[in-house]
């Protein structure tokens, strides 16, 4: 039972209207070019298909206007530094996901990851280096989740991840891959120097376990992360009640 390494769809949401506008414009423009290459006069070809090109212009304008209305809404749920979702979006998403898990009786796992020693990195190498670390960590996290999972930056050096249809065993496997990937990566410190960071990860698995509201779940998540940090960091710790049937009942698609 493995998680796919495909990027989450949150990578492409904000860029979709622009690509749609380009596609709308490309079809009639390509037809006109084929007419010209076939021997038609450029102006005559344009006049012959005036309705087609009017459609192209109006459709492109409509898509771009829609983009102006949608983009601020989408970007408002994104962390401007890393590009993953922002804390506000996570707070709304966790409510929906927990309600779905309770209603359907399905597993759900949530991770909270803190980059160990990021403040030291900022002091020693500068804030720009620390920001670069956060961007790289965010990219690594996206590599480990599936399309329907959620990665959000919920603190200055903290990320939260929602894993849909995931039991404890799968969540711990994902957390361990994340931890190892972050530990193995190197970051440039200038003048040919490099440095590395580690991460502490808290894991909470919901499976009809008495966690009936997002606040309780987040409290357990903070407790798990705190335990990982108090034990020295660079590890994943799970807390909360979990039924034995959870691991056997959770089946994930293999990509």
Foldseek 3Di string as FASTA:
>chain_A
DAAAQDFACLQCPLVVLVVVLVVLLPVVVVVLVVCVVVPDDSVVSCVVPVVSVVSNVVVSVVSVVVSVVVNVVSCVQADVLQSFGEQVVVVVVVQVQLVVCVVVLAKKKKKKKFWPPLVVCCVPQNVVQSSVLQNVLSSLLSSRHHHPKGWYAYDPGMIMIIHHLDADVRVQVSVLSSQVVQQPDWTDRPPPDIDGIGMEMEMEMDRVQPPDGPVVVVVQNVVQSVVCVVVPHSHYGYDGDDDPCNVVPRDDDDD
